[in-house]
């Protein structure tokens, strides 16, 4: 009978140790899940910041490009106007020359 009681006590003790270890493991798993969730939130926030940063840079470059294109358009219009004025001046000169010669 004593052997049977000792075995039962040993089994209860082992069960108690296993339950304690299982509780410890559950706590650790919960901690790790929390750490993982925090890491995922942190990474997502960092990815958003990087994306927003690149988007800002891209927008700035597009604004700069559009400004340069507008300046180029303005220069081309001035060049076209200068060519027209030059053509008119040449035509006036030719008319004046014909009047003097002819």
Protein backbone atom coordinates (compact mmCIF):
# COMPACT_ATOMS: atom_id res chain seq x y z
CA UNK A 1 0.00 0.00 0.00
CA UNK A 2 2.82 2.41 0.80
CA UNK A 3 4.37 1.83 -2.62
CA UNK A 4 1.08 2.60 -4.30
CA UNK A 5 0.67 5.80 -2.28
CA UNK A 6 4.21 6.89 -3.14
CA UNK A 7 3.55 6.25 -6.80
CA UNK A 8 0.33 8.29 -6.60
CA UNK A 9 2.15 11.12 -4.80
CA UNK A 10 4.90 10.97 -7.43
CA UNK A 11 2.33 11.09 -10.22
CA UNK A 12 0.60 14.08 -8.58
CA UNK A 13 3.95 15.80 -8.13
CA UNK A 14 4.88 15.12 -11.77
CA UNK A 15 1.47 16.34 -12.92
CA UNK A 16 1.91 19.47 -10.82
CA UNK A 17 5.36 20.11 -12.32
CA UNK A 18 4.00 19.58 -15.84
CA UNK A 19 1.08 21.94 -15.17
CA UNK A 20 3.47 24.57 -13.82
CA UNK A 21 5.77 24.16 -16.84
CA UNK A 22 2.77 24.37 -19.17
CA UNK A 23 1.61 27.59 -17.50
CA UNK A 24 5.13 29.01 -17.86
CA UNK A 25 5.17 28.07 -21.55
CA UNK A 26 1.75 29.68 -22.08
CA UNK A 27 2.95 32.92 -20.50
CA UNK A 28 6.07 32.88 -22.68
CA UNK A 29 4.01 32.20 -25.82
CA UNK A 30 1.73 35.13 -24.95
CA UNK A 31 4.78 37.37 -24.44
CA UNK A 32 6.26 36.28 -27.77
CA UNK A 33 2.95 36.81 -29.57
CA UNK A 34 2.79 40.32 -28.10
CA UNK A 35 6.39 41.03 -29.14
CA UNK A 36 5.70 39.72 -32.64
CA UNK A 37 2.56 41.86 -32.97
CA UNK A 38 4.52 44.90 -31.77
CA UNK A 39 7.30 44.17 -34.27
CA UNK A 40 4.77 43.82 -37.09
CA UNK A 41 3.12 47.14 -36.16
CA UNK A 42 6.53 48.81 -35.93
CA UNK A 43 7.59 47.42 -39.31
CA UNK A 44 4.31 48.47 -40.94
CA UNK A 45 4.71 51.99 -39.52
CA UNK A 46 8.29 52.17 -40.77
CA UNK A 47 7.22 50.95 -44.22
CA UNK A 48 4.53 53.66 -44.28
CA UNK A 49 7.09 56.32 -43.32
CA UNK A 50 9.50 55.14 -46.02
CA UNK A 51 6.74 54.98 -48.63
CA UNK A 52 5.52 58.45 -47.67
CA UNK A 53 9.09 59.72 -47.85
CA UNK A 54 9.62 58.31 -51.33
CA UNK A 55 6.20 59.56 -52.39
CA UNK A 56 7.17 63.03 -51.15
CA UNK A 57 10.46 62.91 -53.04
CA UNK A 58 8.72 61.69 -56.19
CA UNK A 59 6.15 64.47 -55.89
CA UNK A 60 8.90 67.07 -55.45
CA UNK A 61 10.70 65.74 -58.54
CA UNK A 62 7.47 65.84 -60.55
CA UNK A 63 6.82 69.43 -59.45
CA UNK A 64 10.37 70.35 -60.45
CA UNK A 65 9.97 68.59 -63.83
CA UNK A 66 6.66 70.36 -64.47
CA UNK A 67 8.21 73.72 -63.58
CA UNK A 68 11.09 73.04 -65.99
CA UNK A 69 8.67 71.99 -68.72
CA UNK A 70 6.70 75.21 -68.22
CA UNK A 71 9.92 77.22 -68.43
CA UNK A 72 10.90 75.35 -71.61
CA UNK A 73 7.48 76.05 -73.13
CA UNK A 74 7.88 79.75 -72.29
CA UNK A 75 11.35 79.86 -73.90
CA UNK A 76 10.04 78.07 -77.00
CA UNK A 77 7.21 80.60 -77.30
CA UNK A 78 9.68 83.49 -76.98
CA UNK A 79 11.91 81.85 -79.61
CA UNK A 80 8.95 81.42 -81.98
CA UNK A 81 8.00 85.08 -81.43
CA UNK A 82 11.61 86.15 -82.07
CA UNK A 83 11.66 84.13 -85.30
CA UNK A 84 8.42 85.79 -86.41
CA UNK A 85 9.82 89.24 -85.63
CA UNK A 86 13.02 88.38 -87.50
CA UNK A 87 11.03 87.19 -90.53
CA UNK A 88 9.00 90.42 -90.44
CA UNK A 89 12.18 92.50 -90.18
CA UNK A 90 13.75 90.68 -93.14
CA UNK A 91 10.55 91.20 -95.18
CA UNK A 92 10.50 94.91 -94.23
CA UNK A 93 14.17 95.24 -95.21
CA UNK A 94 13.52 93.54 -98.55
CA UNK A 95 10.53 95.84 -99.23
CA UNK A 96 12.56 98.90 -98.30
CA UNK A 97 15.43 97.75 -100.55
CA UNK A 98 13.04 97.17 -103.46
CA UNK A 99 11.57 100.64 -103.02
CA UNK A 100 15.00 102.23 -103.05
CA UNK A 101 16.28 100.18 -105.98
CA UNK A 102 13.19 99.91 -107.96
